[in-house]
Amino acid sequence: MRVQLCVVGRLRAGPERDLIDDYLKRFDRTGRGLGLGPATVCEVEDRKAGGMAAEAALLKRAVPSGARLCVLDERGKMVSSPTFSDTLCNWRDQGAQDVAFVIGGADGVDPTLRGSADAVLSLGKMVWPHMLARVMLAEQIYRAAAIAAGTPYHRV
C-alpha cells in the first residue's frame, strides 16, 4: 500500500526535511516486506491565497484516486502508536492500494475535506508548526511499520 503525505506549503532544505527523508526511507525499507510503501510527499501551494477552500481543492487533486484519506487535525482522534499501526495494516489488508495523509495550511483543513476523510487524527492537544507536524507524522508512519514488523524500535 503506497503512502502519500499531501501537505500545504513547501519545505526548504534543513533539519526538518532531513528528518522526514530519513523516517520515510526507514519506512520504505521496513514496510517493503509487509506490503507497506513506498512513501512520498506531495506539496501543494495556494499561490492565490484562496484560503482553506482553495487549499482543499489542491489537496484533493494530490490525493490518489481511491486512496484512504487520513486528515491530521487538532479536533481529530488521538490514538496510540500500536493503534495507528493496526489502522494502516487493516487498510492494507482490506485491499487499499493507497493511503493519503493530509496536513492543511495555517488555518487547518477545510471542513468539507475533513468530513470526507476515512480518519481524522490529532497529534495531541498542543498545536504544532506544520514542519514539525510533518516530521512527527513521518516518524509515526515509520513506527507503524516497525511495530507491524515486530522490530524493537517501538518499546512498550
C-alpha atoms as a PDB file:
ATOM      1  CA  MET A   1       0.000   0.000   0.000  1.00  0.00           C
ATOM      2  CA  ARG A   2       1.549   3.256  -1.127  1.00  0.00           C
ATOM      3  CA  VAL A   3       1.653   6.108   1.376  1.00  0.00           C
ATOM      4  CA  GLN A   4       1.485   9.740   0.395  1.00  0.00           C
ATOM      5  CA  LEU A   5       1.815  12.807   2.591  1.00  0.00           C
ATOM      6  CA  CYS A   6      -0.225  15.565   0.938  1.00  0.00           C
ATOM      7  CA  VAL A   7       0.717  18.824   2.596  1.00  0.00           C
ATOM      8  CA  VAL A   8       0.227  22.550   2.142  1.00  0.00           C
ATOM      9  CA  GLY A   9       3.429  24.544   1.774  1.00  0.00           C
ATOM     10  CA  ARG A  10       6.945  23.947   0.582  1.00  0.00           C
ATOM     11  CA  LEU A  11       9.640  22.672   2.909  1.00  0.00           C
ATOM     12  CA  ARG A  12      13.117  24.010   2.263  1.00  0.00           C
ATOM     13  CA  ALA A  13      16.296  22.076   2.850  1.00  0.00           C
ATOM     14  CA  GLY A  14      17.146  21.862   6.520  1.00  0.00           C
ATOM     15  CA  PRO A  15      16.861  19.679   9.593  1.00  0.00           C
ATOM     16  CA  GLU A  16      13.111  19.073   9.258  1.00  0.00           C
ATOM     17  CA  ARG A  17      13.450  17.883   5.655  1.00  0.00           C
ATOM     18  CA  ASP A  18      16.402  15.689   6.652  1.00  0.00           C
ATOM     19  CA  LEU A  19      14.338  14.056   9.400  1.00  0.00           C
ATOM     20  CA  ILE A  20      11.331  13.487   7.137  1.00  0.00           C
ATOM     21  CA  ASP A  21      13.524  11.984   4.423  1.00  0.00           C
ATOM     22  CA  ASP A  22      15.239   9.733   6.975  1.00  0.00           C
ATOM     23  CA  TYR A  23      11.999   8.450   8.526  1.00  0.00           C
ATOM     24  CA  LEU A  24      10.358   7.830   5.147  1.00  0.00           C
ATOM     25  CA  LYS A  25      13.467   5.998   3.905  1.00  0.00           C
ATOM     26  CA  ARG A  26      13.327   3.820   7.043  1.00  0.00           C
ATOM     27  CA  PHE A  27       9.622   3.226   6.432  1.00  0.00           C
ATOM     28  CA  ASP A  28      10.288   2.155   2.852  1.00  0.00           C
ATOM     29  CA  ARG A  29      12.904  -0.374   3.991  1.00  0.00           C
ATOM     30  CA  THR A  30      10.873  -1.724   6.907  1.00  0.00           C
ATOM     31  CA  GLY A  31       7.489  -1.694   5.191  1.00  0.00           C
ATOM     32  CA  ARG A  32       8.512  -3.215   1.860  1.00  0.00           C
ATOM     33  CA  GLY A  33       8.215  -6.802   3.078  1.00  0.00           C
ATOM     34  CA  LEU A  34       4.911  -6.007   4.776  1.00  0.00           C
ATOM     35  CA  GLY A  35       3.200  -4.569   1.708  1.00  0.00           C
ATOM     36  CA  LEU A  36       3.575  -1.025   3.059  1.00  0.00           C
ATOM     37  CA  GLY A  37       5.197   1.690   0.990  1.00  0.00           C
ATOM     38  CA  PRO A  38       6.765   3.388  -0.710  1.00  0.00           C
ATOM     39  CA  ALA A  39       6.089   6.746   0.895  1.00  0.00           C
ATOM     40  CA  THR A  40       6.195  10.059  -0.943  1.00  0.00           C
ATOM     41  CA  VAL A  41       5.489  13.692  -0.131  1.00  0.00           C
ATOM     42  CA  CYS A  42       3.299  15.874  -2.344  1.00  0.00           C
ATOM     43  CA  GLU A  43       3.483  19.566  -1.512  1.00  0.00           C
ATOM     44  CA  VAL A  44       0.808  21.960  -2.762  1.00  0.00           C
ATOM     45  CA  GLU A  45       0.823  25.710  -2.542  1.00  0.00           C
ATOM     46  CA  ASP A  46      -2.080  28.116  -2.873  1.00  0.00           C
ATOM     47  CA  ARG A  47      -0.327  30.974  -4.661  1.00  0.00           C
ATOM     48  CA  LYS A  48      -3.574  32.953  -4.974  1.00  0.00           C
ATOM     49  CA  ALA A  49      -4.266  32.954  -1.217  1.00  0.00           C
ATOM     50  CA  GLY A  50      -7.722  31.463  -1.692  1.00  0.00           C
ATOM     51  CA  GLY A  51      -7.900  30.137   1.866  1.00  0.00           C
ATOM     52  CA  MET A  52      -8.915  26.720   3.121  1.00  0.00           C
ATOM     53  CA  ALA A  53     -11.295  26.002   0.225  1.00  0.00           C
ATOM     54  CA  ALA A  54      -8.579  26.619  -2.377  1.00  0.00           C
ATOM     55  CA  GLU A  55      -6.098  24.548  -0.384  1.00  0.00           C
ATOM     56  CA  ALA A  56      -8.654  21.739  -0.128  1.00  0.00           C
ATOM     57  CA  ALA A  57      -9.093  21.735  -3.917  1.00  0.00           C
ATOM     58  CA  LEU A  58      -5.329  21.434  -4.385  1.00  0.00           C
ATOM     59  CA  LEU A  59      -5.094  18.697  -1.759  1.00  0.00           C
ATOM     60  CA  LYS A  60      -7.969  16.721  -3.326  1.00  0.00           C
ATOM     61  CA  ARG A  61      -6.112  16.746  -6.648  1.00  0.00           C
ATOM     62  CA  ALA A  62      -2.973  15.481  -4.899  1.00  0.00           C
ATOM     63  CA  VAL A  63      -4.737  12.518  -3.269  1.00  0.00           C
ATOM     64  CA  PRO A  64      -4.558   9.378  -5.429  1.00  0.00           C
ATOM     65  CA  SER A  65      -7.885   8.156  -6.757  1.00  0.00           C
ATOM     66  CA  GLY A  66      -9.467   5.617  -4.417  1.00  0.00           C
ATOM     67  CA  ALA A  67      -6.980   6.290  -1.608  1.00  0.00           C
ATOM     68  CA  ARG A  68      -7.899   6.009   2.035  1.00  0.00           C
ATOM     69  CA  LEU A  69      -7.868   9.557   3.336  1.00  0.00           C
ATOM     70  CA  CYS A  70      -6.495  10.447   6.760  1.00  0.00           C
ATOM     71  CA  VAL A  71      -6.595  14.102   7.781  1.00  0.00           C
ATOM     72  CA  LEU A  72      -4.466  15.475  10.588  1.00  0.00           C
ATOM     73  CA  ASP A  73      -6.462  17.977  12.599  1.00  0.00           C
ATOM     74  CA  GLU A  74      -6.429  19.226  16.181  1.00  0.00           C
ATOM     75  CA  ARG A  75     -10.055  18.067  16.536  1.00  0.00           C
ATOM     76  CA  GLY A  76      -9.163  14.554  15.424  1.00  0.00           C
ATOM     77  CA  LYS A  77      -8.934  11.395  17.430  1.00  0.00           C
ATOM     78  CA  MET A  78      -5.803  10.756  19.468  1.00  0.00           C
ATOM     79  CA  VAL A  79      -4.611   7.168  19.088  1.00  0.00           C
ATOM     80  CA  SER A  80      -1.666   5.181  20.346  1.00  0.00           C
ATOM     81  CA  SER A  81       1.150   4.162  18.027  1.00  0.00           C
ATOM     82  CA  PRO A  82       0.071   0.474  18.066  1.00  0.00           C
ATOM     83  CA  THR A  83      -3.497   1.506  17.181  1.00  0.00           C
ATOM     84  CA  PHE A  84      -2.165   3.660  14.341  1.00  0.00           C
ATOM     85  CA  SER A  85      -0.127   0.691  13.095  1.00  0.00           C
ATOM     86  CA  ASP A  86      -3.207  -1.546  13.262  1.00  0.00           C
ATOM     87  CA  THR A  87      -5.197   1.004  11.255  1.00  0.00           C
ATOM     88  CA  LEU A  88      -2.597   1.119   8.481  1.00  0.00           C
ATOM     89  CA  CYS A  89      -2.349  -2.662   8.376  1.00  0.00           C
ATOM     90  CA  ASN A  90      -6.140  -3.043   8.358  1.00  0.00           C
ATOM     91  CA  TRP A  91      -6.438  -0.675   5.391  1.00  0.00           C
ATOM     92  CA  ARG A  92      -3.748  -2.682   3.593  1.00  0.00           C
ATOM     93  CA  ASP A  93      -5.497  -5.956   4.437  1.00  0.00           C
ATOM     94  CA  GLN A  94      -8.799  -4.567   3.128  1.00  0.00           C
ATOM     95  CA  GLY A  95      -7.118  -4.039  -0.246  1.00  0.00           C
ATOM     96  CA  ALA A  96      -6.346  -0.326  -0.156  1.00  0.00           C
ATOM     97  CA  GLN A  97      -3.706   0.476  -2.755  1.00  0.00           C
ATOM     98  CA  ASP A  98      -3.028   3.977  -1.436  1.00  0.00           C
ATOM     99  CA  VAL A  99      -3.388   5.989   1.736  1.00  0.00           C
ATOM    100  CA  ALA A 100      -3.048   9.759   1.785  1.00  0.00           C
ATOM    101  CA  PHE A 101      -2.260  11.723   4.923  1.00  0.00           C
ATOM    102  CA  VAL A 102      -3.294  15.362   4.654  1.00  0.00           C
ATOM    103  CA  ILE A 103      -1.849  18.276   6.598  1.00  0.00           C
ATOM    104  CA  GLY A 104      -3.584  21.567   5.806  1.00  0.00           C
ATOM    105  CA  GLY A 105      -2.398  25.138   5.845  1.00  0.00           C
ATOM    106  CA  ALA A 106      -2.146  27.600   8.717  1.00  0.00           C
ATOM    107  CA  ASP A 107      -5.933  27.641   9.188  1.00  0.00           C
ATOM    108  CA  GLY A 108      -6.258  23.856   9.083  1.00  0.00           C
ATOM    109  CA  VAL A 109      -8.152  21.617   6.690  1.00  0.00           C
ATOM    110  CA  ASP A 110     -11.383  22.696   5.029  1.00  0.00           C
ATOM    111  CA  PRO A 111     -14.376  21.139   6.847  1.00  0.00           C
ATOM    112  CA  THR A 112     -15.655  19.521   3.631  1.00  0.00           C
ATOM    113  CA  LEU A 113     -12.367  17.694   3.043  1.00  0.00           C
ATOM    114  CA  ARG A 114     -12.115  16.790   6.726  1.00  0.00           C
ATOM    115  CA  GLY A 115     -15.683  15.432   6.612  1.00  0.00           C
ATOM    116  CA  SER A 116     -14.868  13.150   3.678  1.00  0.00           C
ATOM    117  CA  ALA A 117     -11.888  11.533   5.430  1.00  0.00           C
ATOM    118  CA  ASP A 118     -11.724   7.885   6.437  1.00  0.00           C
ATOM    119  CA  ALA A 119      -9.948   9.005   9.605  1.00  0.00           C
ATOM    120  CA  VAL A 120      -9.210  12.307  11.324  1.00  0.00           C
ATOM    121  CA  LEU A 121      -6.243  12.118  13.680  1.00  0.00           C
ATOM    122  CA  SER A 122      -4.685  14.524  16.138  1.00  0.00           C
ATOM    123  CA  LEU A 123      -1.042  14.570  17.186  1.00  0.00           C
ATOM    124  CA  GLY A 124      -2.150  15.766  20.608  1.00  0.00           C
ATOM    125  CA  LYS A 125      -3.810  18.682  22.323  1.00  0.00           C
ATOM    126  CA  MET A 126      -0.943  21.025  21.585  1.00  0.00           C
ATOM    127  CA  VAL A 127      -0.704  22.831  18.269  1.00  0.00           C
ATOM    128  CA  TRP A 128       2.460  22.108  16.269  1.00  0.00           C
ATOM    129  CA  PRO A 129       4.101  24.065  13.462  1.00  0.00           C
ATOM    130  CA  HIS A 130       3.464  22.477  10.062  1.00  0.00           C
ATOM    131  CA  MET A 131       7.040  21.416   9.579  1.00  0.00           C
ATOM    132  CA  LEU A 132       7.198  19.645  12.942  1.00  0.00           C
ATOM    133  CA  ALA A 133       3.821  18.010  12.309  1.00  0.00           C
ATOM    134  CA  ARG A 134       5.265  16.580   9.092  1.00  0.00           C
ATOM    135  CA  VAL A 135       8.271  15.220  10.979  1.00  0.00           C
ATOM    136  CA  MET A 136       6.077  13.698  13.683  1.00  0.00           C
ATOM    137  CA  LEU A 137       3.770  12.110  11.097  1.00  0.00           C
ATOM    138  CA  ALA A 138       6.721  10.667   9.161  1.00  0.00           C
ATOM    139  CA  GLU A 139       8.122   9.210  12.382  1.00  0.00           C
ATOM    140  CA  GLN A 140       4.767   7.652  13.305  1.00  0.00           C
ATOM    141  CA  ILE A 141       4.427   6.128   9.833  1.00  0.00           C
ATOM    142  CA  TYR A 142       7.859   4.552  10.240  1.00  0.00           C
ATOM    143  CA  ARG A 143       6.988   3.466  13.800  1.00  0.00           C
ATOM    144  CA  ALA A 144       3.781   1.845  12.500  1.00  0.00           C
ATOM    145  CA  ALA A 145       5.806  -0.301  10.086  1.00  0.00           C
ATOM    146  CA  ALA A 146       8.345  -1.111  12.812  1.00  0.00           C
ATOM    147  CA  ILE A 147       5.523  -2.260  15.107  1.00  0.00           C
ATOM    148  CA  ALA A 148       3.985  -4.377  12.345  1.00  0.00           C
ATOM    149  CA  ALA A 149       7.395  -5.909  11.609  1.00  0.00           C
ATOM    150  CA  GLY A 150       7.994  -6.695  15.283  1.00  0.00           C
ATOM    151  CA  THR A 151      11.243  -4.719  15.459  1.00  0.00           C
ATOM    152  CA  PRO A 152      12.491  -3.402  18.799  1.00  0.00           C
ATOM    153  CA  TYR A 153      12.175   0.246  17.650  1.00  0.00           C
ATOM    154  CA  HIS A 154       8.855   0.603  19.481  1.00  0.00           C
ATOM    155  CA  ARG A 155       9.201  -0.418  23.085  1.00  0.00           C
ATOM    156  CA  VAL A 156       6.209  -0.724  25.342  1.00  0.00           C
END
